Structures are given as C-alpha cells and as structure tokens.
Amino acid sequence: MGGGGKIKGCVRVSKPRKKKNYYSQYRSSIVSLLKLFTELPLKEKHIKALERTLFCYLFQGLIYNKMESIAFKKRDDDVVRIIQSFDSKLKLFKLGNKPVMLRESDITLILGFYQGRKH
C-alpha cells in the first residue's frame, strides 16, 4: 500500500477553500423557558438541582414566576451573548477582553429580576 500518499478518487486542491461565517444554530428563548417552567410539574429535588447552577437566579425567576415575559422578549440574544462569555476555568465573564466578576445584583439587573420590592 505504498505509493506516494494518493487516495483513489481524491483530487489534491492547491488553494484553501473560503471559510463561511457560521453563526450559532441555537437560540435562547426565555419565553419558551417561562412556558416550560409554568407548565412542567417540577419536584422539589428538580428545583434544588437547578438552584445549585450558575443560573440559579434565572431559574428561580422562571419557577416562581417573578419575571414579566414582555420585559425580556427582545433580550434573548443579549442573554445568549452574556452566557457565552462565561469562562468556566476562571469562573468569570469576559466582557470584551476584560474578565469581570458579576455579582448577584448585576445578574438580576441584566436579566430583569427585582430583589425585594418591585421597582
């Protein structure tokens, strides 16, 4: 099976192919999540498991219906970008080139939650 590295039926291409700019095929749909959490009968063990995640405040807002769907319908893409910017090794968000530690209050403001009384 020697013979110069040719594979039968293959043609060697001398110039590289142009790479297309592909975008993420998934999309955040917080409205769909809200519908899911209001219609899905979650058990206490499910809620406790969700509350141990990085996005516990998002899940709490969805589970306990603390969010108004109109307030975040058009912010799905922003939420996706924020989530994608999280560096799990550093446990920080990268905003631009700067690593940033977001506090609970920052996340609640970004996602449209209110702590305590409603504004």
N, C-alpha and C. Protein backbone atom coordinates (compact mmCIF):
# COMPACT_ATOMS: atom_id res chain seq x y z
N MET A 1 0.82 -1.21 0.00
CA MET A 1 0.00 0.00 0.00
C MET A 1 0.85 1.26 0.00
N GLY A 2 2.06 1.23 -0.43
CA GLY A 2 2.86 2.43 -0.53
C GLY A 2 2.33 3.27 -1.67
N GLY A 3 3.14 4.12 -2.21
CA GLY A 3 2.73 4.77 -3.43
C GLY A 3 2.40 6.23 -3.32
N GLY A 4 3.15 7.03 -2.66
CA GLY A 4 3.08 8.47 -2.78
C GLY A 4 1.93 9.16 -2.09
N GLY A 5 1.13 8.50 -1.28
CA GLY A 5 0.11 9.17 -0.49
C GLY A 5 -1.15 9.54 -1.24
N LYS A 6 -1.34 9.03 -2.47
CA LYS A 6 -2.57 9.34 -3.20
C LYS A 6 -3.68 8.41 -2.75
N ILE A 7 -4.86 8.94 -2.68
CA ILE A 7 -6.03 8.15 -2.35
C ILE A 7 -6.89 8.10 -3.60
N LYS A 8 -7.26 6.91 -4.01
CA LYS A 8 -8.03 6.73 -5.23
C LYS A 8 -9.34 7.52 -5.15
N GLY A 9 -9.62 8.31 -6.18
CA GLY A 9 -10.85 9.08 -6.23
C GLY A 9 -10.76 10.46 -5.62
N CYS A 10 -9.63 10.82 -5.00
CA CYS A 10 -9.48 12.14 -4.38
C CYS A 10 -8.60 13.03 -5.23
N VAL A 11 -8.89 14.29 -5.26
CA VAL A 11 -8.12 15.26 -6.02
C VAL A 11 -7.48 16.21 -5.03
N ARG A 12 -6.20 16.49 -5.21
CA ARG A 12 -5.50 17.42 -4.34
C ARG A 12 -5.87 18.85 -4.74
N VAL A 13 -6.23 19.66 -3.79
CA VAL A 13 -6.61 21.05 -4.04
C VAL A 13 -5.46 21.93 -3.59
N SER A 14 -5.03 22.84 -4.47
CA SER A 14 -3.85 23.64 -4.16
C SER A 14 -4.17 24.88 -3.35
N LYS A 15 -5.33 25.46 -3.52
CA LYS A 15 -5.64 26.66 -2.73
C LYS A 15 -6.72 26.33 -1.69
N PRO A 16 -6.62 26.97 -0.53
CA PRO A 16 -7.58 26.67 0.54
C PRO A 16 -8.98 27.17 0.18
N ARG A 17 -9.96 26.47 0.69
CA ARG A 17 -11.35 26.88 0.48
C ARG A 17 -11.68 28.05 1.40
N LYS A 18 -12.58 28.90 0.94
CA LYS A 18 -13.00 30.02 1.77
C LYS A 18 -13.89 29.50 2.89
N LYS A 19 -13.62 29.96 4.08
CA LYS A 19 -14.41 29.55 5.24
C LYS A 19 -15.63 30.45 5.34
N LYS A 20 -16.79 29.84 5.46
CA LYS A 20 -18.01 30.62 5.63
C LYS A 20 -18.13 31.05 7.09
N ASN A 21 -18.77 32.16 7.30
CA ASN A 21 -19.03 32.63 8.66
C ASN A 21 -20.33 32.00 9.14
N TYR A 22 -20.19 30.99 9.97
CA TYR A 22 -21.37 30.34 10.52
C TYR A 22 -21.69 30.94 11.88
N TYR A 23 -22.95 31.05 12.17
CA TYR A 23 -23.39 31.54 13.46
C TYR A 23 -24.01 30.39 14.23
N SER A 24 -24.15 30.57 15.50
CA SER A 24 -24.73 29.53 16.34
C SER A 24 -26.10 29.13 15.81
N GLN A 25 -26.34 27.84 15.80
CA GLN A 25 -27.61 27.33 15.31
C GLN A 25 -28.67 27.32 16.41
N TYR A 26 -28.26 27.52 17.64
CA TYR A 26 -29.23 27.53 18.72
C TYR A 26 -29.60 28.97 19.06
N ARG A 27 -30.69 29.14 19.73
CA ARG A 27 -31.16 30.47 20.09
C ARG A 27 -31.78 30.38 21.48
N SER A 28 -31.50 31.37 22.27
CA SER A 28 -32.10 31.41 23.59
C SER A 28 -33.56 31.82 23.45
N SER A 29 -34.39 31.15 24.14
CA SER A 29 -35.80 31.53 24.13
C SER A 29 -36.31 31.51 25.56
N ILE A 30 -36.14 32.62 26.22
CA ILE A 30 -36.55 32.71 27.62
C ILE A 30 -38.06 32.60 27.73
N VAL A 31 -38.77 33.08 26.72
CA VAL A 31 -40.23 32.96 26.75
C VAL A 31 -40.62 31.48 26.74
N SER A 32 -39.91 30.68 25.94
CA SER A 32 -40.18 29.23 25.92
C SER A 32 -39.84 28.59 27.26
N LEU A 33 -38.74 29.04 27.87
CA LEU A 33 -38.38 28.52 29.19
C LEU A 33 -39.45 28.87 30.22
N LEU A 34 -39.96 30.09 30.15
CA LEU A 34 -41.01 30.50 31.07
C LEU A 34 -42.24 29.60 30.92
N LYS A 35 -42.61 29.34 29.67
CA LYS A 35 -43.76 28.46 29.42
C LYS A 35 -43.48 27.06 29.96
N LEU A 36 -42.26 26.57 29.72
CA LEU A 36 -41.88 25.24 30.20
C LEU A 36 -41.98 25.15 31.72
N PHE A 37 -41.43 26.14 32.42
CA PHE A 37 -41.42 26.11 33.88
C PHE A 37 -42.82 26.30 34.47
N THR A 38 -43.70 27.00 33.78
CA THR A 38 -45.05 27.17 34.31
C THR A 38 -45.93 25.95 34.05
N GLU A 39 -45.63 25.20 32.98
CA GLU A 39 -46.45 24.04 32.64
C GLU A 39 -45.89 22.72 33.16
N LEU A 40 -44.60 22.70 33.46
CA LEU A 40 -43.95 21.46 33.89
C LEU A 40 -44.05 21.30 35.40
N PRO A 41 -44.57 20.17 35.86
CA PRO A 41 -44.65 19.98 37.31
C PRO A 41 -43.28 19.60 37.88
N LEU A 42 -42.54 20.59 38.37
CA LEU A 42 -41.21 20.33 38.94
C LEU A 42 -41.34 19.84 40.37
N LYS A 43 -40.52 18.86 40.69
CA LYS A 43 -40.46 18.37 42.06
C LYS A 43 -39.43 19.19 42.82
N GLU A 44 -39.47 19.11 44.13
CA GLU A 44 -38.54 19.86 44.97
C GLU A 44 -37.09 19.51 44.64
N LYS A 45 -36.81 18.24 44.34
CA LYS A 45 -35.43 17.85 44.02
C LYS A 45 -34.97 18.48 42.70
N HIS A 46 -35.88 18.70 41.74
CA HIS A 46 -35.52 19.37 40.50
C HIS A 46 -35.16 20.83 40.77
N ILE A 47 -35.98 21.47 41.59
CA ILE A 47 -35.76 22.88 41.91
C ILE A 47 -34.43 23.05 42.64
N LYS A 48 -34.14 22.17 43.59
CA LYS A 48 -32.87 22.26 44.33
C LYS A 48 -31.69 22.06 43.40
N ALA A 49 -31.80 21.15 42.44
CA ALA A 49 -30.71 20.91 41.48
C ALA A 49 -30.50 22.14 40.60
N LEU A 50 -31.58 22.77 40.14
CA LEU A 50 -31.47 23.97 39.31
C LEU A 50 -30.89 25.14 40.10
N GLU A 51 -31.21 25.22 41.39
CA GLU A 51 -30.72 26.32 42.21
C GLU A 51 -29.23 26.20 42.53
N ARG A 52 -28.63 25.05 42.27
CA ARG A 52 -27.19 24.89 42.51
C ARG A 52 -26.36 25.26 41.28
N THR A 53 -27.01 25.69 40.20
CA THR A 53 -26.29 26.03 38.99
C THR A 53 -25.91 27.51 38.97
N LEU A 54 -25.08 27.86 38.00
CA LEU A 54 -24.66 29.25 37.83
C LEU A 54 -25.85 30.16 37.54
N PHE A 55 -26.88 29.62 36.91
CA PHE A 55 -28.02 30.42 36.50
C PHE A 55 -29.21 30.23 37.44
N CYS A 56 -28.91 30.06 38.71
CA CYS A 56 -29.97 29.80 39.70
C CYS A 56 -30.97 30.95 39.77
N TYR A 57 -30.52 32.19 39.62
CA TYR A 57 -31.45 33.32 39.70
C TYR A 57 -32.38 33.36 38.50
N LEU A 58 -31.87 32.97 37.35
CA LEU A 58 -32.73 32.86 36.17
C LEU A 58 -33.80 31.80 36.41
N PHE A 59 -33.39 30.62 36.90
CA PHE A 59 -34.33 29.54 37.15
C PHE A 59 -35.33 29.90 38.25
N GLN A 60 -34.87 30.56 39.30
CA GLN A 60 -35.79 30.97 40.37
C GLN A 60 -36.85 31.93 39.84
N GLY A 61 -36.41 32.86 39.01
CA GLY A 61 -37.35 33.81 38.43
C GLY A 61 -38.38 33.12 37.55
N LEU A 62 -37.94 32.11 36.81
CA LEU A 62 -38.86 31.38 35.95
C LEU A 62 -39.79 30.48 36.76
N ILE A 63 -39.24 29.77 37.73
CA ILE A 63 -40.03 28.82 38.52
C ILE A 63 -41.08 29.53 39.37
N TYR A 64 -40.68 30.60 40.04
CA TYR A 64 -41.58 31.29 40.96
C TYR A 64 -42.32 32.45 40.30
N ASN A 65 -42.24 32.51 38.96
CA ASN A 65 -42.98 33.49 38.16
C ASN A 65 -42.72 34.92 38.61
N LYS A 66 -41.44 35.27 38.79
CA LYS A 66 -41.07 36.62 39.21
C LYS A 66 -40.71 37.50 38.01
N MET A 67 -40.90 36.98 36.81
CA MET A 67 -40.49 37.72 35.62
C MET A 67 -41.71 38.01 34.75
N GLU A 68 -41.69 39.17 34.14
CA GLU A 68 -42.75 39.51 33.19
C GLU A 68 -42.22 39.20 31.80
N SER A 69 -42.95 38.41 31.02
CA SER A 69 -42.45 37.98 29.72
C SER A 69 -42.22 39.14 28.77
N ILE A 70 -43.00 40.18 28.85
CA ILE A 70 -42.83 41.33 27.97
C ILE A 70 -41.50 42.02 28.23
N ALA A 71 -41.04 42.01 29.46
CA ALA A 71 -39.81 42.71 29.83
C ALA A 71 -38.57 42.09 29.21
N PHE A 72 -38.63 40.82 28.79
CA PHE A 72 -37.41 40.21 28.26
C PHE A 72 -37.57 39.55 26.91
N LYS A 73 -38.66 39.74 26.22
CA LYS A 73 -38.87 39.10 24.93
C LYS A 73 -37.78 39.43 23.93
N LYS A 74 -37.32 40.66 23.89
CA LYS A 74 -36.36 41.07 22.87
C LYS A 74 -34.92 41.00 23.36
N ARG A 75 -34.68 40.45 24.54
CA ARG A 75 -33.33 40.42 25.09
C ARG A 75 -32.70 39.03 25.01
N ASP A 76 -33.32 38.10 24.33
CA ASP A 76 -32.79 36.74 24.27
C ASP A 76 -31.36 36.69 23.74
N ASP A 77 -31.09 37.42 22.65
CA ASP A 77 -29.75 37.39 22.07
C ASP A 77 -28.71 37.96 23.02
N ASP A 78 -29.08 38.99 23.77
CA ASP A 78 -28.16 39.56 24.76
C ASP A 78 -27.83 38.56 25.85
N VAL A 79 -28.84 37.83 26.30
CA VAL A 79 -28.62 36.82 27.34
C VAL A 79 -27.70 35.73 26.82
N VAL A 80 -27.89 35.31 25.57
CA VAL A 80 -27.02 34.29 24.98
C VAL A 80 -25.58 34.77 24.96
N ARG A 81 -25.37 36.02 24.54
CA ARG A 81 -24.00 36.56 24.50
C ARG A 81 -23.37 36.61 25.89
N ILE A 82 -24.14 36.97 26.88
CA ILE A 82 -23.61 37.02 28.25
C ILE A 82 -23.25 35.61 28.72
N ILE A 83 -24.13 34.66 28.49
CA ILE A 83 -23.86 33.28 28.91
C ILE A 83 -22.64 32.73 28.18
N GLN A 84 -22.51 33.01 26.89
CA GLN A 84 -21.37 32.53 26.12
C GLN A 84 -20.06 33.16 26.58
N SER A 85 -20.13 34.32 27.20
CA SER A 85 -18.90 34.99 27.62
C SER A 85 -18.34 34.44 28.93
N PHE A 86 -19.03 33.49 29.56
CA PHE A 86 -18.57 32.93 30.83
C PHE A 86 -17.39 31.99 30.60
N ASP A 87 -16.30 32.23 31.31
CA ASP A 87 -15.11 31.37 31.26
C ASP A 87 -15.15 30.46 32.48
N SER A 88 -15.45 29.19 32.25
CA SER A 88 -15.63 28.26 33.38
C SER A 88 -14.33 27.99 34.12
N LYS A 89 -13.19 28.12 33.45
CA LYS A 89 -11.91 27.90 34.14
C LYS A 89 -11.62 29.03 35.12
N LEU A 90 -11.86 30.25 34.68
CA LEU A 90 -11.60 31.42 35.53
C LEU A 90 -12.78 31.74 36.45
N LYS A 91 -13.96 31.18 36.16
CA LYS A 91 -15.19 31.48 36.90
C LYS A 91 -15.53 32.97 36.81
N LEU A 92 -15.28 33.54 35.62
CA LEU A 92 -15.53 34.95 35.36
C LEU A 92 -16.19 35.10 33.99
N PHE A 93 -16.83 36.23 33.78
CA PHE A 93 -17.36 36.57 32.48
C PHE A 93 -16.32 37.42 31.77
N LYS A 94 -16.15 37.21 30.47
CA LYS A 94 -15.24 38.03 29.69
C LYS A 94 -16.07 39.01 28.88
N LEU A 95 -16.00 40.27 29.25
CA LEU A 95 -16.70 41.33 28.54
C LEU A 95 -15.66 42.10 27.76
N GLY A 96 -15.68 41.94 26.44
CA GLY A 96 -14.59 42.44 25.62
C GLY A 96 -13.39 41.57 25.92
N ASN A 97 -12.27 42.17 26.24
CA ASN A 97 -11.08 41.41 26.63
C ASN A 97 -10.88 41.41 28.13
N LYS A 98 -11.82 41.97 28.85
CA LYS A 98 -11.66 42.14 30.29
C LYS A 98 -12.46 41.10 31.07
N PRO A 99 -11.80 40.33 31.95
CA PRO A 99 -12.54 39.40 32.80
C PRO A 99 -13.27 40.16 33.91
N VAL A 100 -14.54 39.85 34.10
CA VAL A 100 -15.37 40.58 35.06
C VAL A 100 -16.10 39.59 35.95
N MET A 101 -16.10 39.87 37.25
CA MET A 101 -16.87 39.06 38.20
C MET A 101 -18.22 39.75 38.37
N LEU A 102 -19.28 39.10 37.90
CA LEU A 102 -20.61 39.67 38.05
C LEU A 102 -21.20 39.23 39.38
N ARG A 103 -21.74 40.20 40.11
CA ARG A 103 -22.36 39.90 41.39
C ARG A 103 -23.82 39.53 41.18
N GLU A 104 -24.44 39.05 42.22
CA GLU A 104 -25.85 38.68 42.17
C GLU A 104 -26.70 39.85 41.70
N SER A 105 -26.41 41.04 42.21
CA SER A 105 -27.19 42.22 41.84
C SER A 105 -27.01 42.57 40.36
N ASP A 106 -25.81 42.34 39.82
CA ASP A 106 -25.57 42.59 38.40
C ASP A 106 -26.42 41.67 37.53
N ILE A 107 -26.44 40.39 37.89
CA ILE A 107 -27.19 39.41 37.12
C ILE A 107 -28.68 39.68 37.19
N THR A 108 -29.17 40.06 38.37
CA THR A 108 -30.60 40.35 38.49
C THR A 108 -30.99 41.57 37.66
N LEU A 109 -30.11 42.56 37.59
CA LEU A 109 -30.40 43.73 36.76
C LEU A 109 -30.37 43.39 35.28
N ILE A 110 -29.37 42.62 34.87
CA ILE A 110 -29.23 42.24 33.46
C ILE A 110 -30.43 41.43 33.00
N LEU A 111 -30.86 40.48 33.82
CA LEU A 111 -31.95 39.59 33.43
C LEU A 111 -33.33 40.15 33.73
N GLY A 112 -33.40 41.29 34.39
CA GLY A 112 -34.68 41.93 34.64
C GLY A 112 -35.40 41.44 35.88
N PHE A 113 -34.68 40.88 36.83
CA PHE A 113 -35.29 40.46 38.09
C PHE A 113 -35.22 41.62 39.07
N TYR A 114 -36.10 41.57 40.03
CA TYR A 114 -36.07 42.56 41.09
C TYR A 114 -35.86 41.85 42.41
N GLN A 115 -35.02 42.42 43.25
CA GLN A 115 -34.81 41.86 44.58
C GLN A 115 -35.66 42.68 45.55
N GLY A 116 -36.33 41.98 46.43
CA GLY A 116 -37.16 42.70 47.39
C GLY A 116 -38.39 43.25 46.72
N ARG A 117 -38.67 44.52 46.91
CA ARG A 117 -39.87 45.11 46.32
C ARG A 117 -39.66 45.39 44.85
N LYS A 118 -40.74 45.34 44.10
CA LYS A 118 -40.68 45.62 42.68
C LYS A 118 -40.54 47.12 42.47
N HIS A 119 -39.69 47.53 41.53
CA HIS A 119 -39.46 48.95 41.24
C HIS A 119 -40.58 49.53 40.43
